[in-house]
Each structure stands twice: as structure tokens, then as C-alpha cells.
Amino acid sequence: MSQHYAVFTRTDRTPDTDLGHYLANVGATIAPYGGRLLAFDAPRPLEGSGEITKTAILEFPSEEDARGWYGSPAYQELVAWRTEVLGGPVDVNLVSGIPA
């Protein structure tokens, strides 16, 4: 069985300090679904346009867990808040890991 990852990418210039409410509360929405934050940083491009300003990678035990977390009322409340602060949505993609 492989792990599943939710990969967030942003292209806005909003400082992380403006996202304090989201960043302070998102971890509590992830834990009930067995998820954990693997990475959160501004990317340092090796190739490509370098337009992405922030990337976050979350790991979940299954696609069902990742989708359950994303669709949960607790997380969707934060999505609405984040979207308002950023002025629009971010890109969120679900990718499967390589089976061990």
C-alpha cells in the first residue's frame, strides 16, 4: 500500500503572518485523518518558471483519508477563511506515493 500526498502550491505574495489563523488551526484538522505535514516552504527552483511562492506537502495513509480530511467541515471552514484572505483559491493536488 502506498501513501498519498496532498500538495498545495500558491503563487500569491501574501505573507505567512497574514495566514496566522489558518496556520495555527490546520494541524488539528489533519491529525484525525492520520495526516502529517512533511514540508512547508518557499520553493527554490532548480528548473521552470519559479512562479510558485509557497508549497506544502501533507502525507496521509490513504486516498480516502486525504479526501476525508479535505472535505471535512473543520477543514472547509479554514478553506473559506484562507480563500478570503488570499483573494482566491490555491492549487491542491492529490498524488500517490510509490508502493513500498
PDB file of N, CA and C in Angstrom:
ATOM      1  N   MET A   1       0.844  -1.166   0.000  1.00  0.00           N
ATOM      2  CA  MET A   1       0.000   0.000   0.000  1.00  0.00           C
ATOM      3  C   MET A   1       0.897   1.239   0.000  1.00  0.00           C
ATOM      4  N   SER A   2       0.529   2.249  -0.789  1.00  0.00           N
ATOM      5  CA  SER A   2       1.327   3.465  -0.853  1.00  0.00           C
ATOM      6  C   SER A   2       0.660   4.604  -0.087  1.00  0.00           C
ATOM      7  N   GLN A   3       1.465   5.523   0.349  1.00  0.00           N
ATOM      8  CA  GLN A   3       0.967   6.725   0.996  1.00  0.00           C
ATOM      9  C   GLN A   3       0.388   7.655  -0.072  1.00  0.00           C
ATOM     10  N   HIS A   4      -0.391   8.612   0.383  1.00  0.00           N
ATOM     11  CA  HIS A   4      -0.968   9.604  -0.514  1.00  0.00           C
ATOM     12  C   HIS A   4      -0.623  10.984   0.015  1.00  0.00           C
ATOM     13  N   TYR A   5      -0.422  11.894  -0.902  1.00  0.00           N
ATOM     14  CA  TYR A   5       0.060  13.219  -0.539  1.00  0.00           C
ATOM     15  C   TYR A   5      -0.855  14.289  -1.118  1.00  0.00           C
ATOM     16  N   ALA A   6      -1.164  15.261  -0.293  1.00  0.00           N
ATOM     17  CA  ALA A   6      -1.867  16.454  -0.751  1.00  0.00           C
ATOM     18  C   ALA A   6      -0.791  17.517  -0.917  1.00  0.00           C
ATOM     19  N   VAL A   7      -0.663  18.046  -2.125  1.00  0.00           N
ATOM     20  CA  VAL A   7       0.377  19.021  -2.434  1.00  0.00           C
ATOM     21  C   VAL A   7      -0.296  20.362  -2.729  1.00  0.00           C
ATOM     22  N   PHE A   8       0.015  21.352  -1.911  1.00  0.00           N
ATOM     23  CA  PHE A   8      -0.522  22.698  -2.064  1.00  0.00           C
ATOM     24  C   PHE A   8       0.532  23.573  -2.711  1.00  0.00           C
ATOM     25  N   THR A   9       0.137  24.374  -3.674  1.00  0.00           N
ATOM     26  CA  THR A   9       1.042  25.372  -4.226  1.00  0.00           C
ATOM     27  C   THR A   9       0.310  26.703  -4.333  1.00  0.00           C
ATOM     28  N   ARG A  10       1.040  27.772  -4.043  1.00  0.00           N
ATOM     29  CA  ARG A  10       0.496  29.127  -4.102  1.00  0.00           C
ATOM     30  C   ARG A  10       1.364  29.964  -5.027  1.00  0.00           C
ATOM     31  N   THR A  11       0.761  30.960  -5.631  1.00  0.00           N
ATOM     32  CA  THR A  11       1.521  31.897  -6.456  1.00  0.00           C
ATOM     33  C   THR A  11       1.311  33.336  -6.005  1.00  0.00           C
ATOM     34  N   ASP A  12       0.608  33.537  -4.895  1.00  0.00           N
ATOM     35  CA  ASP A  12       0.374  34.886  -4.381  1.00  0.00           C
ATOM     36  C   ASP A  12       1.574  35.336  -3.546  1.00  0.00           C
ATOM     37  N   ARG A  13       1.559  36.587  -3.170  1.00  0.00           N
ATOM     38  CA  ARG A  13       2.652  37.154  -2.356  1.00  0.00           C
ATOM     39  C   ARG A  13       2.208  37.452  -0.921  1.00  0.00           C
ATOM     40  N   THR A  14       1.133  36.832  -0.456  1.00  0.00           N
ATOM     41  CA  THR A  14       0.617  37.065   0.888  1.00  0.00           C
ATOM     42  C   THR A  14       1.633  36.571   1.917  1.00  0.00           C
ATOM     43  N   PRO A  15       2.028  37.415   2.862  1.00  0.00           N
ATOM     44  CA  PRO A  15       2.955  36.950   3.899  1.00  0.00           C
ATOM     45  C   PRO A  15       2.305  35.900   4.797  1.00  0.00           C
ATOM     46  N   ASP A  16       3.096  34.958   5.278  1.00  0.00           N
ATOM     47  CA  ASP A  16       2.576  33.921   6.169  1.00  0.00           C
ATOM     48  C   ASP A  16       1.942  34.526   7.416  1.00  0.00           C
ATOM     49  N   THR A  17       2.420  35.680   7.861  1.00  0.00           N
ATOM     50  CA  THR A  17       1.846  36.318   9.044  1.00  0.00           C
ATOM     51  C   THR A  17       0.375  36.651   8.840  1.00  0.00           C
ATOM     52  N   ASP A  18      -0.048  36.900   7.608  1.00  0.00           N
ATOM     53  CA  ASP A  18      -1.458  37.175   7.320  1.00  0.00           C
ATOM     54  C   ASP A  18      -2.308  35.905   7.380  1.00  0.00           C
ATOM     55  N   LEU A  19      -1.673  34.757   7.382  1.00  0.00           N
ATOM     56  CA  LEU A  19      -2.374  33.473   7.404  1.00  0.00           C
ATOM     57  C   LEU A  19      -2.306  32.807   8.778  1.00  0.00           C
ATOM     58  N   GLY A  20      -2.028  33.590   9.808  1.00  0.00           N
ATOM     59  CA  GLY A  20      -1.852  33.056  11.152  1.00  0.00           C
ATOM     60  C   GLY A  20      -2.985  32.165  11.624  1.00  0.00           C
ATOM     61  N   HIS A  21      -4.232  32.580  11.412  1.00  0.00           N
ATOM     62  CA  HIS A  21      -5.386  31.776  11.838  1.00  0.00           C
ATOM     63  C   HIS A  21      -5.380  30.415  11.149  1.00  0.00           C
ATOM     64  N   TYR A  22      -5.163  30.398   9.854  1.00  0.00           N
ATOM     65  CA  TYR A  22      -5.134  29.151   9.090  1.00  0.00           C
ATOM     66  C   TYR A  22      -3.995  28.259   9.584  1.00  0.00           C
ATOM     67  N   LEU A  23      -2.786  28.820   9.663  1.00  0.00           N
ATOM     68  CA  LEU A  23      -1.619  28.029  10.044  1.00  0.00           C
ATOM     69  C   LEU A  23      -1.715  27.512  11.477  1.00  0.00           C
ATOM     70  N   ALA A  24      -2.349  28.268  12.354  1.00  0.00           N
ATOM     71  CA  ALA A  24      -2.489  27.849  13.749  1.00  0.00           C
ATOM     72  C   ALA A  24      -3.517  26.736  13.925  1.00  0.00           C
ATOM     73  N   ASN A  25      -4.451  26.600  12.989  1.00  0.00           N
ATOM     74  CA  ASN A  25      -5.556  25.652  13.161  1.00  0.00           C
ATOM     75  C   ASN A  25      -5.561  24.465  12.204  1.00  0.00           C
ATOM     76  N   VAL A  26      -4.810  24.525  11.136  1.00  0.00           N
ATOM     77  CA  VAL A  26      -4.879  23.459  10.132  1.00  0.00           C
ATOM     78  C   VAL A  26      -4.390  22.120  10.667  1.00  0.00           C
ATOM     79  N   GLY A  27      -3.387  22.115  11.543  1.00  0.00           N
ATOM     80  CA  GLY A  27      -2.856  20.858  12.081  1.00  0.00           C
ATOM     81  C   GLY A  27      -3.907  20.025  12.799  1.00  0.00           C
ATOM     82  N   ALA A  28      -4.793  20.688  13.523  1.00  0.00           N
ATOM     83  CA  ALA A  28      -5.854  19.974  14.247  1.00  0.00           C
ATOM     84  C   ALA A  28      -6.854  19.322  13.305  1.00  0.00           C
ATOM     85  N   THR A  29      -6.960  19.818  12.069  1.00  0.00           N
ATOM     86  CA  THR A  29      -7.877  19.208  11.100  1.00  0.00           C
ATOM     87  C   THR A  29      -7.240  18.000  10.416  1.00  0.00           C
ATOM     88  N   ILE A  30      -5.926  17.952  10.373  1.00  0.00           N
ATOM     89  CA  ILE A  30      -5.190  16.887   9.682  1.00  0.00           C
ATOM     90  C   ILE A  30      -5.072  15.625  10.542  1.00  0.00           C
ATOM     91  N   ALA A  31      -4.785  15.814  11.814  1.00  0.00           N
ATOM     92  CA  ALA A  31      -4.496  14.687  12.720  1.00  0.00           C
ATOM     93  C   ALA A  31      -5.570  13.602  12.753  1.00  0.00           C
ATOM     94  N   PRO A  32      -6.870  13.936  12.798  1.00  0.00           N
ATOM     95  CA  PRO A  32      -7.881  12.874  12.857  1.00  0.00           C
ATOM     96  C   PRO A  32      -7.897  11.956  11.627  1.00  0.00           C
ATOM     97  N   TYR A  33      -7.248  12.367  10.557  1.00  0.00           N
ATOM     98  CA  TYR A  33      -7.229  11.562   9.331  1.00  0.00           C
ATOM     99  C   TYR A  33      -5.872  10.891   9.128  1.00  0.00           C
ATOM    100  N   GLY A  34      -5.055  10.868  10.175  1.00  0.00           N
ATOM    101  CA  GLY A  34      -3.762  10.214  10.096  1.00  0.00           C
ATOM    102  C   GLY A  34      -2.748  10.972   9.279  1.00  0.00           C
ATOM    103  N   GLY A  35      -3.018  12.242   9.017  1.00  0.00           N
ATOM    104  CA  GLY A  35      -2.128  13.031   8.181  1.00  0.00           C
ATOM    105  C   GLY A  35      -1.038  13.721   8.975  1.00  0.00           C
ATOM    106  N   ARG A  36      -0.019  14.130   8.240  1.00  0.00           N
ATOM    107  CA  ARG A  36       1.044  14.921   8.849  1.00  0.00           C
ATOM    108  C   ARG A  36       1.692  15.816   7.801  1.00  0.00           C
ATOM    109  N   LEU A  37       2.190  16.937   8.264  1.00  0.00           N
ATOM    110  CA  LEU A  37       2.863  17.898   7.396  1.00  0.00           C
ATOM    111  C   LEU A  37       4.292  17.428   7.171  1.00  0.00           C
ATOM    112  N   LEU A  38       4.681  17.285   5.903  1.00  0.00           N
ATOM    113  CA  LEU A  38       6.037  16.871   5.570  1.00  0.00           C
ATOM    114  C   LEU A  38       6.914  18.053   5.188  1.00  0.00           C
ATOM    115  N   ALA A  39       6.322  19.061   4.531  1.00  0.00           N
ATOM    116  CA  ALA A  39       7.114  20.198   4.065  1.00  0.00           C
ATOM    117  C   ALA A  39       6.231  21.424   3.948  1.00  0.00           C
ATOM    118  N   PHE A  40       6.823  22.597   4.265  1.00  0.00           N
ATOM    119  CA  PHE A  40       6.140  23.872   4.097  1.00  0.00           C
ATOM    120  C   PHE A  40       7.220  24.932   3.949  1.00  0.00           C
ATOM    121  N   ASP A  41       7.357  25.455   2.740  1.00  0.00           N
ATOM    122  CA  ASP A  41       8.436  26.409   2.500  1.00  0.00           C
ATOM    123  C   ASP A  41       8.233  27.083   1.150  1.00  0.00           C
ATOM    124  N   ALA A  42       8.988  28.145   0.955  1.00  0.00           N
ATOM    125  CA  ALA A  42       9.062  28.766  -0.367  1.00  0.00           C
ATOM    126  C   ALA A  42      10.008  27.905  -1.204  1.00  0.00           C
ATOM    127  N   PRO A  43       9.580  27.497  -2.386  1.00  0.00           N
ATOM    128  CA  PRO A  43      10.447  26.644  -3.196  1.00  0.00           C
ATOM    129  C   PRO A  43      11.664  27.406  -3.720  1.00  0.00           C
ATOM    130  N   ARG A  44      12.731  26.685  -3.921  1.00  0.00           N
ATOM    131  CA  ARG A  44      13.938  27.227  -4.509  1.00  0.00           C
ATOM    132  C   ARG A  44      14.128  26.503  -5.842  1.00  0.00           C
ATOM    133  N   PRO A  45      13.659  27.108  -6.929  1.00  0.00           N
ATOM    134  CA  PRO A  45      13.608  26.427  -8.223  1.00  0.00           C
ATOM    135  C   PRO A  45      14.964  25.929  -8.724  1.00  0.00           C
ATOM    136  N   LEU A  46      14.918  24.723  -9.238  1.00  0.00           N
ATOM    137  CA  LEU A  46      16.048  24.172  -9.964  1.00  0.00           C
ATOM    138  C   LEU A  46      15.782  24.226 -11.464  1.00  0.00           C
ATOM    139  N   GLU A  47      14.501  24.249 -11.822  1.00  0.00           N
ATOM    140  CA  GLU A  47      14.100  24.281 -13.228  1.00  0.00           C
ATOM    141  C   GLU A  47      12.689  24.839 -13.294  1.00  0.00           C
ATOM    142  N   GLY A  48      12.355  25.497 -14.362  1.00  0.00           N
ATOM    143  CA  GLY A  48      10.998  26.000 -14.540  1.00  0.00           C
ATOM    144  C   GLY A  48      10.879  27.479 -14.235  1.00  0.00           C
ATOM    145  N   SER A  49       9.633  27.951 -14.209  1.00  0.00           N
ATOM    146  CA  SER A  49       9.358  29.383 -14.119  1.00  0.00           C
ATOM    147  C   SER A  49       9.598  29.985 -12.744  1.00  0.00           C
ATOM    148  N   GLY A  50       9.505  29.195 -11.700  1.00  0.00           N
ATOM    149  CA  GLY A  50       9.685  29.720 -10.357  1.00  0.00           C
ATOM    150  C   GLY A  50       8.542  30.603  -9.891  1.00  0.00           C
ATOM    151  N   GLU A  51       7.352  30.448 -10.483  1.00  0.00           N
ATOM    152  CA  GLU A  51       6.200  31.278 -10.120  1.00  0.00           C
ATOM    153  C   GLU A  51       5.566  30.881  -8.794  1.00  0.00           C
ATOM    154  N   ILE A  52       5.794  29.673  -8.327  1.00  0.00           N
ATOM    155  CA  ILE A  52       5.191  29.213  -7.077  1.00  0.00           C
ATOM    156  C   ILE A  52       5.901  29.894  -5.911  1.00  0.00           C
ATOM    157  N   THR A  53       5.120  30.483  -5.005  1.00  0.00           N
ATOM    158  CA  THR A  53       5.698  31.210  -3.881  1.00  0.00           C
ATOM    159  C   THR A  53       5.708  30.404  -2.591  1.00  0.00           C
ATOM    160  N   LYS A  54       4.895  29.367  -2.489  1.00  0.00           N
ATOM    161  CA  LYS A  54       4.850  28.546  -1.270  1.00  0.00           C
ATOM    162  C   LYS A  54       4.322  27.164  -1.636  1.00  0.00           C
ATOM    163  N   THR A  55       4.909  26.148  -1.031  1.00  0.00           N
ATOM    164  CA  THR A  55       4.475  24.766  -1.241  1.00  0.00           C
ATOM    165  C   THR A  55       4.321  24.087   0.111  1.00  0.00           C
ATOM    166  N   ALA A  56       3.272  23.304   0.260  1.00  0.00           N
ATOM    167  CA  ALA A  56       3.076  22.467   1.445  1.00  0.00           C
ATOM    168  C   ALA A  56       2.780  21.054   0.962  1.00  0.00           C
ATOM    169  N   ILE A  57       3.355  20.077   1.636  1.00  0.00           N
ATOM    170  CA  ILE A  57       3.104  18.673   1.304  1.00  0.00           C
ATOM    171  C   ILE A  57       2.620  17.971   2.568  1.00  0.00           C
ATOM    172  N   LEU A  58       1.416  17.391   2.475  1.00  0.00           N
ATOM    173  CA  LEU A  58       0.833  16.638   3.576  1.00  0.00           C
ATOM    174  C   LEU A  58       0.795  15.167   3.185  1.00  0.00           C
ATOM    175  N   GLU A  59       1.061  14.287   4.135  1.00  0.00           N
ATOM    176  CA  GLU A  59       1.038  12.846   3.891  1.00  0.00           C
ATOM    177  C   GLU A  59      -0.154  12.239   4.614  1.00  0.00           C
ATOM    178  N   PHE A  60      -0.856  11.325   3.934  1.00  0.00           N
ATOM    179  CA  PHE A  60      -1.999  10.605   4.506  1.00  0.00           C
ATOM    180  C   PHE A  60      -1.836   9.116   4.235  1.00  0.00           C
ATOM    181  N   PRO A  61      -2.400   8.262   5.108  1.00  0.00           N
ATOM    182  CA  PRO A  61      -2.280   6.817   4.923  1.00  0.00           C
ATOM    183  C   PRO A  61      -2.990   6.296   3.671  1.00  0.00           C
ATOM    184  N   SER A  62      -4.038   6.996   3.229  1.00  0.00           N
ATOM    185  CA  SER A  62      -4.785   6.521   2.064  1.00  0.00           C
ATOM    186  C   SER A  62      -5.430   7.705   1.350  1.00  0.00           C
ATOM    187  N   GLU A  63      -5.850   7.453   0.127  1.00  0.00           N
ATOM    188  CA  GLU A  63      -6.569   8.480  -0.611  1.00  0.00           C
ATOM    189  C   GLU A  63      -7.885   8.815   0.098  1.00  0.00           C
ATOM    190  N   GLU A  64      -8.531   7.808   0.648  1.00  0.00           N
ATOM    191  CA  GLU A  64      -9.783   8.023   1.381  1.00  0.00           C
ATOM    192  C   GLU A  64      -9.567   8.971   2.566  1.00  0.00           C
ATOM    193  N   ASP A  65      -8.462   8.796   3.286  1.00  0.00           N
ATOM    194  CA  ASP A  65      -8.153   9.691   4.408  1.00  0.00           C
ATOM    195  C   ASP A  65      -7.903  11.119   3.921  1.00  0.00           C
ATOM    196  N   ALA A  66      -7.148  11.251   2.845  1.00  0.00           N
ATOM    197  CA  ALA A  66      -6.850  12.581   2.306  1.00  0.00           C
ATOM    198  C   ALA A  66      -8.126  13.281   1.850  1.00  0.00           C
ATOM    199  N   ARG A  67      -8.979  12.556   1.154  1.00  0.00           N
ATOM    200  CA  ARG A  67     -10.236  13.155   0.691  1.00  0.00           C
ATOM    201  C   ARG A  67     -11.179  13.451   1.862  1.00  0.00           C
ATOM    202  N   GLY A  68     -11.179  12.569   2.862  1.00  0.00           N
ATOM    203  CA  GLY A  68     -11.997  12.805   4.044  1.00  0.00           C
ATOM    204  C   GLY A  68     -11.573  14.069   4.763  1.00  0.00           C
ATOM    205  N   TRP A  69     -10.272  14.254   4.920  1.00  0.00           N
ATOM    206  CA  TRP A  69      -9.755  15.472   5.554  1.00  0.00           C
ATOM    207  C   TRP A  69     -10.149  16.703   4.751  1.00  0.00           C
ATOM    208  N   TYR A  70      -9.872  16.666   3.426  1.00  0.00           N
ATOM    209  CA  TYR A  70     -10.135  17.844   2.609  1.00  0.00           C
ATOM    210  C   TYR A  70     -11.615  18.231   2.636  1.00  0.00           C
ATOM    211  N   GLY A  71     -12.499  17.271   2.624  1.00  0.00           N
ATOM    212  CA  GLY A  71     -13.933  17.543   2.611  1.00  0.00           C
ATOM    213  C   GLY A  71     -14.549  17.762   3.979  1.00  0.00           C
ATOM    214  N   SER A  72     -13.760  17.603   5.038  1.00  0.00           N
ATOM    215  CA  SER A  72     -14.314  17.732   6.391  1.00  0.00           C
ATOM    216  C   SER A  72     -14.800  19.155   6.665  1.00  0.00           C
ATOM    217  N   PRO A  73     -15.876  19.278   7.442  1.00  0.00           N
ATOM    218  CA  PRO A  73     -16.382  20.612   7.786  1.00  0.00           C
ATOM    219  C   PRO A  73     -15.325  21.491   8.453  1.00  0.00           C
ATOM    220  N   ALA A  74     -14.496  20.898   9.315  1.00  0.00           N
ATOM    221  CA  ALA A  74     -13.467  21.689  10.004  1.00  0.00           C
ATOM    222  C   ALA A  74     -12.469  22.277   9.010  1.00  0.00           C
ATOM    223  N   TYR A  75     -12.041  21.459   8.029  1.00  0.00           N
ATOM    224  CA  TYR A  75     -11.081  21.995   7.063  1.00  0.00           C
ATOM    225  C   TYR A  75     -11.753  22.944   6.082  1.00  0.00           C
ATOM    226  N   GLN A  76     -12.948  22.631   5.643  1.00  0.00           N
ATOM    227  CA  GLN A  76     -13.630  23.517   4.690  1.00  0.00           C
ATOM    228  C   GLN A  76     -13.875  24.903   5.287  1.00  0.00           C
ATOM    229  N   GLU A  77     -14.047  24.982   6.601  1.00  0.00           N
ATOM    230  CA  GLU A  77     -14.163  26.282   7.266  1.00  0.00           C
ATOM    231  C   GLU A  77     -12.866  27.076   7.097  1.00  0.00           C
ATOM    232  N   LEU A  78     -11.719  26.387   7.236  1.00  0.00           N
ATOM    233  CA  LEU A  78     -10.435  27.050   7.028  1.00  0.00           C
ATOM    234  C   LEU A  78     -10.206  27.399   5.566  1.00  0.00           C
ATOM    235  N   VAL A  79     -10.687  26.558   4.657  1.00  0.00           N
ATOM    236  CA  VAL A  79     -10.563  26.852   3.225  1.00  0.00           C
ATOM    237  C   VAL A  79     -11.262  28.167   2.902  1.00  0.00           C
ATOM    238  N   ALA A  80     -12.465  28.345   3.431  1.00  0.00           N
ATOM    239  CA  ALA A  80     -13.212  29.581   3.178  1.00  0.00           C
ATOM    240  C   ALA A  80     -12.448  30.785   3.715  1.00  0.00           C
ATOM    241  N   TRP A  81     -11.896  30.663   4.894  1.00  0.00           N
ATOM    242  CA  TRP A  81     -11.131  31.750   5.501  1.00  0.00           C
ATOM    243  C   TRP A  81      -9.889  32.050   4.671  1.00  0.00           C
ATOM    244  N   ARG A  82      -9.140  30.995   4.304  1.00  0.00           N
ATOM    245  CA  ARG A  82      -7.912  31.161   3.510  1.00  0.00           C
ATOM    246  C   ARG A  82      -8.207  31.797   2.163  1.00  0.00           C
ATOM    247  N   THR A  83      -9.260  31.347   1.507  1.00  0.00           N
ATOM    248  CA  THR A  83      -9.614  31.876   0.197  1.00  0.00           C
ATOM    249  C   THR A  83      -9.933  33.366   0.279  1.00  0.00           C
ATOM    250  N   GLU A  84     -10.616  33.757   1.339  1.00  0.00           N
ATOM    251  CA  GLU A  84     -10.936  35.176   1.515  1.00  0.00           C
ATOM    252  C   GLU A  84      -9.662  35.999   1.722  1.00  0.00           C
ATOM    253  N   VAL A  85      -8.763  35.524   2.547  1.00  0.00           N
ATOM    254  CA  VAL A  85      -7.527  36.256   2.832  1.00  0.00           C
ATOM    255  C   VAL A  85      -6.636  36.342   1.590  1.00  0.00           C
ATOM    256  N   LEU A  86      -6.523  35.232   0.863  1.00  0.00           N
ATOM    257  CA  LEU A  86      -5.664  35.204  -0.321  1.00  0.00           C
ATOM    258  C   LEU A  86      -6.327  35.824  -1.545  1.00  0.00           C
ATOM    259  N   GLY A  87      -7.624  36.036  -1.496  1.00  0.00           N
ATOM    260  CA  GLY A  87      -8.326  36.597  -2.641  1.00  0.00           C
ATOM    261  C   GLY A  87      -8.641  35.586  -3.717  1.00  0.00           C
ATOM    262  N   GLY A  88      -8.465  34.298  -3.432  1.00  0.00           N
ATOM    263  CA  GLY A  88      -8.767  33.243  -4.397  1.00  0.00           C
ATOM    264  C   GLY A  88      -8.236  31.920  -3.892  1.00  0.00           C
ATOM    265  N   PRO A  89      -8.546  30.845  -4.597  1.00  0.00           N
ATOM    266  CA  PRO A  89      -8.106  29.516  -4.165  1.00  0.00           C
ATOM    267  C   PRO A  89      -6.624  29.279  -4.454  1.00  0.00           C
ATOM    268  N   VAL A  90      -6.087  28.250  -3.850  1.00  0.00           N
ATOM    269  CA  VAL A  90      -4.739  27.777  -4.153  1.00  0.00           C
ATOM    270  C   VAL A  90      -4.887  26.489  -4.958  1.00  0.00           C
ATOM    271  N   ASP A  91      -3.795  25.990  -5.495  1.00  0.00           N
ATOM    272  CA  ASP A  91      -3.829  24.696  -6.180  1.00  0.00           C
ATOM    273  C   ASP A  91      -3.579  23.604  -5.150  1.00  0.00           C
ATOM    274  N   VAL A  92      -4.447  22.601  -5.123  1.00  0.00           N
ATOM    275  CA  VAL A  92      -4.287  21.454  -4.230  1.00  0.00           C
ATOM    276  C   VAL A  92      -4.432  20.210  -5.098  1.00  0.00           C
ATOM    277  N   ASN A  93      -3.423  19.374  -5.089  1.00  0.00           N
ATOM    278  CA  ASN A  93      -3.435  18.150  -5.884  1.00  0.00           C
ATOM    279  C   ASN A  93      -3.162  16.961  -5.000  1.00  0.00           C
ATOM    280  N   LEU A  94      -3.796  15.846  -5.288  1.00  0.00           N
ATOM    281  CA  LEU A  94      -3.582  14.598  -4.585  1.00  0.00           C
ATOM    282  C   LEU A  94      -2.710  13.707  -5.463  1.00  0.00           C
ATOM    283  N   VAL A  95      -1.609  13.238  -4.893  1.00  0.00           N
ATOM    284  CA  VAL A  95      -0.725  12.334  -5.634  1.00  0.00           C
ATOM    285  C   VAL A  95      -0.469  11.089  -4.789  1.00  0.00           C
ATOM    286  N   SER A  96      -0.288   9.975  -5.441  1.00  0.00           N
ATOM    287  CA  SER A  96       0.001   8.712  -4.765  1.00  0.00           C
ATOM    288  C   SER A  96       1.496   8.524  -4.656  1.00  0.00           C
ATOM    289  N   GLY A  97       1.915   7.934  -3.530  1.00  0.00           N
ATOM    290  CA  GLY A  97       3.312   7.579  -3.371  1.00  0.00           C
ATOM    291  C   GLY A  97       3.613   6.291  -4.102  1.00  0.00           C
ATOM    292  N   ILE A  98       4.861   5.927  -4.117  1.00  0.00           N
ATOM    293  CA  ILE A  98       5.284   4.691  -4.761  1.00  0.00           C
ATOM    294  C   ILE A  98       5.169   3.578  -3.741  1.00  0.00           C
ATOM    295  N   PRO A  99       4.470   2.476  -4.094  1.00  0.00           N
ATOM    296  CA  PRO A  99       4.306   1.366  -3.140  1.00  0.00           C
ATOM    297  C   PRO A  99       5.656   0.844  -2.665  1.00  0.00           C
ATOM    298  N   ALA A 100       5.692   0.534  -1.380  1.00  0.00           N
ATOM    299  CA  ALA A 100       6.957   0.018  -0.802  1.00  0.00           C
ATOM    300  C   ALA A 100       7.170  -1.415  -1.211  1.00  0.00           C
TER     301      ALA A 100
END
